[in-house]
Amino acid sequence: MEEFAKFIRNFTPSPSRTNTLLNGASHAGIRYTKVAIIDDGVDGLYAGLGRNIAAGESFCNRGDSDYDSFFKSSGGHGTIMAVLIRKMCPHVKLYVARVNEERTGNDTREITAESAIKAIKWATERKVDIISMSWTINETGPTATELNQLTEAINKAVENKILLFCSVSDQGPRNEGRFPAACNRSNTFLIGAATVEGQGWQWLGKNDVDYIFPGTDLIIGTGDPLFDDGSANSSRRTSREPYSGSSLATALAAGLAALVLNCVALSSPNDLKLVKTHRGMQLAFGSINTGGGQEKYLAVWDLFEKKLKDLGDKDEPEVLGEIVQRLLSHVRGSVPTALTE
């Protein structure tokens, strides 16, 4: 997808496209998809990510305002999610909500429901297009009141036409980390990791995910030629060891959704409200596969990368237009008008 990301980054829209923006901020006629990352913070100095961060807020309560800042990542997890989202969609504005974490009995960290509730409300108030949540909350952790408040926050985001991407819990047969997706299962995208063969990762267990995206043995943090400016901070490297987990897959899924919104805004802005619904994005994702493969594993390269081979015979707007028409092929006429209002 890197070649297509480069194509989109350099794409110049026609003047007639510049005023249809929905909630997105614009620059030179480009609609930037607004994605909220609820995680442990994002290092804005890494690979130029600071240029994509539009706003941020910290919901940590340790009392150290500097250490708890949203532009610092306690474990590097949120930074990795930001890198993956931007790799999928260069025209993205990130809204970073840093949440509080607590140690669990098995020496892992879990996000607190209280801070997650505040973060989701904050992202909703910022009118983002997408909320990416690459984590789970164990149902035995929060109080009944907190679970109700978490559900209310998720439902409010749904009411505001925000696309919600949640990770499945990578616990194998154990299926305890069901939230936040379980708060409103029919209006959240539950994402799991796929192997290099396109099969569901063994640690997904019996979870009924909506989609699986690459999420095993990914090498991350090797720099991004689209955004690195050559400075020491922007080109810093992280470990070359591979990462695995459904959290990675969730970031890629959120990034793909952001890219779909970006492409539609550039080529067919009048259809943006249709695809900016849960049902609309489902149908757009469904149009990526042409059959013969797993419906839950999207062969994105077959649509986006292969279309670039037509650039020799067609101009950029025509190529992008064909991609968007494919994405919208099942959306038009299938999304009730009431869902877009």
Protein backbone atom coordinates (compact mmCIF):
# COMPACT_ATOMS: atom_id res chain seq x y z
CA MET A 1 0.00 0.00 0.00
CA GLU A 2 3.00 2.35 0.20
CA GLU A 3 2.89 3.13 -3.52
CA PHE A 4 -0.78 4.02 -3.33
CA ALA A 5 -0.17 6.12 -0.22
CA LYS A 6 2.44 8.04 -2.19
CA PHE A 7 -0.03 8.47 -5.05
CA ILE A 8 -2.70 9.88 -2.71
CA ARG A 9 -0.23 12.14 -0.94
CA ASN A 10 0.75 13.73 -4.26
CA PHE A 11 -2.76 13.79 -5.75
CA THR A 12 -4.05 17.24 -6.69
CA PRO A 13 -7.85 17.58 -6.58
CA SER A 14 -9.76 19.72 -9.02
CA PRO A 15 -11.08 23.08 -7.73
CA SER A 16 -14.65 21.74 -7.77
CA ARG A 17 -13.73 19.28 -5.00
CA THR A 18 -12.36 21.79 -2.52
CA ASN A 19 -15.51 22.81 -0.65
CA THR A 20 -17.01 19.43 0.29
CA LEU A 21 -15.29 18.69 3.57
CA LEU A 22 -17.77 17.36 6.14
CA ASN A 23 -15.84 17.37 9.42
CA GLY A 24 -12.40 17.30 7.84
CA ALA A 25 -9.85 20.07 7.97
CA SER A 26 -8.69 21.17 4.54
CA HIS A 27 -5.41 22.23 3.02
CA ALA A 28 -5.06 23.05 -0.67
CA GLY A 29 -8.37 21.34 -1.38
CA ILE A 30 -7.50 18.13 0.47
CA ARG A 31 -9.89 16.69 3.05
CA TYR A 32 -7.92 15.31 5.97
CA THR A 33 -9.64 12.40 7.68
CA LYS A 34 -9.83 12.98 11.43
CA VAL A 35 -8.80 9.89 13.39
CA ALA A 36 -8.75 9.69 17.17
CA ILE A 37 -6.17 7.34 18.65
CA ILE A 38 -7.08 6.30 22.17
CA ASP A 39 -3.94 4.73 23.56
CA ASP A 40 -0.88 5.39 25.73
CA GLY A 41 0.07 8.58 23.89
CA VAL A 42 1.92 9.33 20.65
CA ASP A 43 5.52 10.50 20.34
CA GLY A 44 5.08 13.52 18.11
CA LEU A 45 8.82 13.70 17.44
CA TYR A 46 8.94 10.28 15.82
CA ALA A 47 8.98 10.27 12.00
CA GLY A 48 7.34 13.67 11.82
CA LEU A 49 4.12 12.49 13.45
CA GLY A 50 3.75 15.87 15.12
CA ARG A 51 2.77 17.35 11.78
CA ASN A 52 -0.25 15.06 11.70
CA ILE A 53 -1.36 15.64 15.29
CA ALA A 54 -4.20 18.18 15.31
CA ALA A 55 -5.07 17.99 19.00
CA GLY A 56 -4.55 15.87 22.06
CA GLU A 57 -5.57 15.38 25.66
CA SER A 58 -4.27 13.27 28.51
CA PHE A 59 -6.57 11.40 30.86
CA CYS A 60 -3.81 10.02 33.05
CA ASN A 61 -4.07 10.78 36.74
CA ARG A 62 -0.62 10.06 38.10
CA GLY A 63 -0.04 13.73 38.84
CA ASP A 64 3.08 14.19 36.70
CA SER A 65 1.78 16.52 34.00
CA ASP A 66 4.92 16.29 31.86
CA TYR A 67 5.28 12.51 31.97
CA ASP A 68 1.55 12.03 31.37
CA SER A 69 1.37 14.31 28.31
CA PHE A 70 -0.43 13.01 25.25
CA PHE A 71 2.63 13.69 23.08
CA LYS A 72 4.62 11.13 25.03
CA SER A 73 3.98 7.40 24.81
CA SER A 74 4.48 5.39 27.99
CA GLY A 75 5.23 2.16 26.14
CA GLY A 76 5.48 3.19 22.50
CA HIS A 77 2.23 1.40 21.64
CA GLY A 78 0.26 4.48 20.59
CA THR A 79 3.16 5.71 18.47
CA ILE A 80 3.18 2.44 16.53
CA MET A 81 -0.58 2.72 15.98
CA ALA A 82 -0.14 6.26 14.65
CA VAL A 83 2.59 5.14 12.24
CA LEU A 84 0.39 2.35 10.86
CA ILE A 85 -2.65 4.59 10.43
CA ARG A 86 -0.62 7.21 8.58
CA LYS A 87 1.02 4.60 6.37
CA MET A 88 -2.46 3.65 5.18
CA CYS A 89 -3.78 7.21 4.90
CA PRO A 90 -1.24 10.04 4.45
CA HIS A 91 -3.93 12.73 4.59
CA VAL A 92 -4.85 12.15 8.22
CA LYS A 93 -5.19 14.43 11.21
CA LEU A 94 -4.61 12.62 14.48
CA TYR A 95 -6.48 13.37 17.69
CA VAL A 96 -4.52 11.75 20.48
CA ALA A 97 -6.23 10.77 23.73
CA ARG A 98 -3.84 9.29 26.26
CA VAL A 99 -5.58 7.03 28.73
CA ASN A 100 -4.67 5.74 32.16
CA GLU A 101 -3.25 2.25 32.59
CA GLU A 102 -3.11 -0.10 35.55
CA ARG A 103 -1.15 -3.26 36.18
CA THR A 104 -3.21 -6.44 36.20
CA GLY A 105 -2.62 -9.65 38.12
CA ASN A 106 -0.68 -11.28 35.25
CA ASP A 107 1.71 -8.30 35.06
CA THR A 108 0.14 -6.77 31.97
CA ARG A 109 -1.27 -3.29 31.58
CA GLU A 110 -4.95 -2.60 31.08
CA ILE A 111 -6.62 0.67 30.25
CA THR A 112 -8.99 1.90 32.92
CA ALA A 113 -12.65 2.22 32.01
CA GLU A 114 -12.83 5.65 33.64
CA SER A 115 -10.15 7.15 31.40
CA ALA A 116 -11.51 5.36 28.31
CA ILE A 117 -14.94 6.90 28.91
CA LYS A 118 -13.43 10.38 29.12
CA ALA A 119 -11.32 9.79 26.02
CA ILE A 120 -14.25 8.60 23.90
CA LYS A 121 -16.33 11.58 24.99
CA TRP A 122 -13.45 13.92 24.16
CA ALA A 123 -13.01 12.42 20.68
CA THR A 124 -16.75 12.67 20.04
CA GLU A 125 -16.73 16.33 21.01
CA ARG A 126 -13.89 16.90 18.53
CA LYS A 127 -16.15 15.53 15.78
CA VAL A 128 -13.63 13.02 14.51
CA ASP A 129 -14.46 10.67 11.66
CA ILE A 130 -12.92 7.55 13.20
CA ILE A 131 -11.95 6.35 16.67
CA SER A 132 -9.25 3.68 16.78
CA MET A 133 -9.11 1.62 19.98
CA SER A 134 -6.33 -0.97 19.84
CA TRP A 135 -6.99 -2.44 23.28
CA THR A 136 -9.58 -4.32 25.28
CA ILE A 137 -11.06 -4.05 28.75
CA ASN A 138 -11.75 -7.15 30.80
CA GLU A 139 -15.41 -7.35 31.73
CA THR A 140 -14.53 -8.29 35.31
CA GLY A 141 -12.49 -5.13 35.87
CA PRO A 142 -14.87 -2.15 35.64
CA THR A 143 -17.85 -1.63 37.90
CA ALA A 144 -21.37 -1.98 36.54
CA THR A 145 -21.67 1.81 36.59
CA GLU A 146 -18.48 2.20 34.57
CA LEU A 147 -19.64 -0.34 31.98
CA ASN A 148 -22.91 1.55 31.62
CA GLN A 149 -21.04 4.83 31.19
CA LEU A 150 -18.70 3.22 28.66
CA THR A 151 -21.70 1.98 26.70
CA GLU A 152 -23.25 5.45 26.80
CA ALA A 153 -20.03 6.99 25.49
CA ILE A 154 -19.80 4.45 22.65
CA ASN A 155 -23.47 4.96 21.74
CA LYS A 156 -22.99 8.73 21.69
CA ALA A 157 -20.11 8.33 19.25
CA VAL A 158 -22.29 6.11 17.06
CA GLU A 159 -25.06 8.74 17.12
CA ASN A 160 -22.51 11.26 15.89
CA LYS A 161 -21.67 9.10 12.85
CA ILE A 162 -18.21 8.18 14.08
CA LEU A 163 -16.72 4.92 12.81
CA LEU A 164 -15.44 2.81 15.70
CA PHE A 165 -12.62 0.29 15.31
CA CYS A 166 -11.90 -2.05 18.23
CA SER A 167 -9.38 -4.83 18.81
CA VAL A 168 -10.30 -8.35 19.67
CA SER A 169 -8.63 -9.81 22.74
CA ASP A 170 -5.66 -12.02 21.84
CA GLN A 171 -6.28 -14.48 24.66
CA GLY A 172 -6.93 -17.63 22.67
CA PRO A 173 -9.74 -19.71 24.21
CA ARG A 174 -10.15 -17.13 26.98
CA ASN A 175 -12.54 -14.43 25.89
CA GLU A 176 -12.62 -11.95 28.73
CA GLY A 177 -11.58 -8.71 27.03
CA ARG A 178 -14.84 -8.02 25.24
CA PHE A 179 -15.08 -4.28 25.70
CA PRO A 180 -15.41 -1.69 24.23
CA ALA A 181 -16.74 -3.57 21.17
CA ALA A 182 -19.37 -5.37 23.27
CA CYS A 183 -20.90 -2.02 24.24
CA ASN A 184 -22.52 -1.78 20.81
CA ARG A 185 -21.48 -4.80 18.79
CA SER A 186 -23.64 -4.04 15.75
CA ASN A 187 -22.08 -0.61 15.26
CA THR A 188 -18.42 -1.30 15.96
CA PHE A 189 -15.81 -2.95 13.76
CA LEU A 190 -14.12 -5.78 15.67
CA ILE A 191 -10.70 -6.45 14.16
CA GLY A 192 -8.35 -9.40 14.55
CA ALA A 193 -4.83 -10.19 13.37
CA ALA A 194 -4.15 -12.23 10.26
CA THR A 195 -1.10 -14.30 9.44
CA VAL A 196 0.97 -13.75 6.31
CA GLU A 197 -1.14 -16.46 4.68
CA GLY A 198 -4.30 -14.43 5.27
CA GLN A 199 -5.61 -16.75 7.97
CA GLY A 200 -6.86 -15.72 11.39
CA TRP A 201 -4.12 -15.66 14.04
CA GLN A 202 -4.25 -18.60 16.45
CA TRP A 203 -4.71 -16.30 19.46
CA LEU A 204 -8.02 -14.98 18.15
CA GLY A 205 -9.72 -17.98 19.68
CA LYS A 206 -13.41 -18.24 18.84
CA ASN A 207 -14.00 -14.51 18.66
CA ASP A 208 -16.31 -13.58 15.80
CA VAL A 209 -14.34 -10.73 14.27
CA ASP A 210 -15.63 -8.58 11.44
CA TYR A 211 -12.32 -8.40 9.57
CA ILE A 212 -8.78 -9.64 9.87
CA PHE A 213 -5.83 -7.50 8.81
CA PRO A 214 -2.08 -8.15 8.79
CA GLY A 215 -0.99 -8.32 12.40
CA THR A 216 1.75 -10.91 12.81
CA ASP A 217 5.51 -10.47 12.47
CA LEU A 218 5.29 -6.85 11.33
CA ILE A 219 8.51 -4.85 11.26
CA ILE A 220 7.69 -1.32 12.39
CA GLY A 221 9.72 1.78 13.01
CA THR A 222 12.10 1.63 10.06
CA GLY A 223 11.31 5.18 9.02
CA ASP A 224 8.77 6.54 6.59
CA PRO A 225 10.18 8.08 3.39
CA LEU A 226 6.91 9.92 2.80
CA PHE A 227 7.26 11.93 6.00
CA ASP A 228 10.83 11.79 7.34
CA ASP A 229 12.53 15.14 6.95
CA GLY A 230 16.03 13.88 7.67
CA SER A 231 16.26 15.30 11.16
CA ALA A 232 17.52 13.19 14.03
CA ASN A 233 14.11 13.11 15.68
CA SER A 234 12.07 12.33 12.58
CA SER A 235 14.26 9.47 11.41
CA ARG A 236 14.76 7.68 14.71
CA ARG A 237 14.50 3.94 14.54
CA THR A 238 12.82 1.54 16.90
CA SER A 239 13.62 -2.13 17.35
CA ARG A 240 13.84 -4.32 14.26
CA GLU A 241 12.17 -7.17 16.10
CA PRO A 242 8.77 -8.14 14.68
CA TYR A 243 5.52 -7.13 16.37
CA SER A 244 2.34 -9.21 16.47
CA GLY A 245 -1.15 -8.58 17.76
CA SER A 246 -4.67 -7.57 16.85
CA SER A 247 -3.89 -4.03 18.00
CA LEU A 248 -1.71 -3.65 14.89
CA ALA A 249 -4.48 -5.02 12.68
CA THR A 250 -6.95 -2.58 14.23
CA ALA A 251 -4.75 0.41 13.38
CA LEU A 252 -4.43 -0.81 9.79
CA ALA A 253 -8.21 -1.23 9.55
CA ALA A 254 -8.81 2.27 10.90
CA GLY A 255 -6.21 3.57 8.46
CA LEU A 256 -7.92 1.84 5.55
CA ALA A 257 -11.27 3.36 6.54
CA ALA A 258 -9.58 6.78 6.70
CA LEU A 259 -8.15 6.18 3.23
CA VAL A 260 -11.57 5.20 1.86
CA LEU A 261 -13.07 8.44 3.21
CA ASN A 262 -10.15 10.38 1.77
CA CYS A 263 -10.52 8.81 -1.68
CA VAL A 264 -14.28 9.37 -1.79
CA ALA A 265 -13.84 12.99 -0.72
CA LEU A 266 -11.33 13.56 -3.53
CA SER A 267 -13.31 11.89 -6.30
CA SER A 268 -16.99 11.72 -5.34
CA PRO A 269 -17.61 14.07 -2.38
CA ASN A 270 -21.39 13.92 -2.65
CA ASP A 271 -21.21 10.27 -1.59
CA LEU A 272 -19.10 10.94 1.48
CA LYS A 273 -22.03 10.89 3.90
CA LEU A 274 -23.05 7.46 2.63
CA VAL A 275 -19.70 5.82 3.27
CA LYS A 276 -19.23 7.66 6.56
CA THR A 277 -21.69 5.31 8.25
CA HIS A 278 -21.07 1.89 9.74
CA ARG A 279 -23.21 0.23 7.09
CA GLY A 280 -21.64 2.28 4.31
CA MET A 281 -18.10 1.39 5.35
CA GLN A 282 -19.10 -2.27 5.65
CA LEU A 283 -20.29 -2.19 2.05
CA ALA A 284 -17.21 -0.30 0.89
CA PHE A 285 -14.94 -2.85 2.55
CA GLY A 286 -17.02 -5.63 1.02
CA SER A 287 -16.46 -4.23 -2.46
CA ILE A 288 -12.68 -4.56 -2.14
CA ASN A 289 -12.75 -8.34 -2.56
CA THR A 290 -13.92 -9.69 -5.90
CA GLY A 291 -14.62 -13.19 -4.61
CA GLY A 292 -12.62 -16.35 -4.22
CA GLY A 293 -11.02 -15.42 -0.90
CA GLN A 294 -11.94 -14.97 2.71
CA GLU A 295 -14.45 -12.17 3.05
CA LYS A 296 -12.93 -11.12 6.35
CA TYR A 297 -9.47 -10.73 4.84
CA LEU A 298 -9.45 -7.80 2.44
CA ALA A 299 -7.17 -8.02 -0.58
CA VAL A 300 -6.51 -4.28 -0.62
CA TRP A 301 -3.61 -4.57 -3.05
CA ASP A 302 -5.93 -5.99 -5.72
CA LEU A 303 -7.88 -2.74 -5.78
CA PHE A 304 -5.50 0.03 -4.79
CA GLU A 305 -2.03 -1.09 -5.90
CA LYS A 306 -3.02 -2.80 -9.15
CA LYS A 307 -4.98 0.23 -10.34
CA LEU A 308 -1.79 2.28 -10.31
CA LYS A 309 -0.57 0.22 -13.26
CA ASP A 310 -3.18 2.05 -15.37
CA LEU A 311 -1.48 5.42 -14.84
CA GLY A 312 0.38 5.10 -18.12
CA ASP A 313 -2.87 5.05 -20.09
CA LYS A 314 -5.12 7.09 -17.78
CA ASP A 315 -4.71 10.28 -15.78
CA GLU A 316 -4.74 10.38 -11.98
CA PRO A 317 -8.36 11.56 -11.52
CA GLU A 318 -9.59 8.78 -13.81
CA VAL A 319 -7.68 6.08 -11.94
CA LEU A 320 -8.86 7.36 -8.57
CA GLY A 321 -12.39 7.66 -9.93
CA GLU A 322 -12.42 3.99 -10.93
CA ILE A 323 -11.22 2.97 -7.48
CA VAL A 324 -13.92 5.04 -5.81
CA GLN A 325 -16.63 3.71 -8.11
CA ARG A 326 -15.60 0.20 -7.08
CA LEU A 327 -15.72 1.19 -3.40
CA LEU A 328 -19.17 2.70 -3.84
CA SER A 329 -20.55 -0.07 -6.05
CA HIS A 330 -22.50 -1.64 -3.17
CA VAL A 331 -22.99 1.52 -1.14
CA ARG A 332 -25.23 3.58 -3.37
CA GLY A 333 -28.86 2.62 -2.96
CA SER A 334 -28.09 0.37 0.01
CA VAL A 335 -27.54 2.90 2.79
CA PRO A 336 -30.83 4.40 4.04
CA THR A 337 -30.90 8.18 3.99
CA ALA A 338 -31.89 8.17 7.66
CA LEU A 339 -28.48 6.76 8.57
CA THR A 340 -26.70 9.77 7.08
CA GLU A 341 -28.73 12.44 8.86
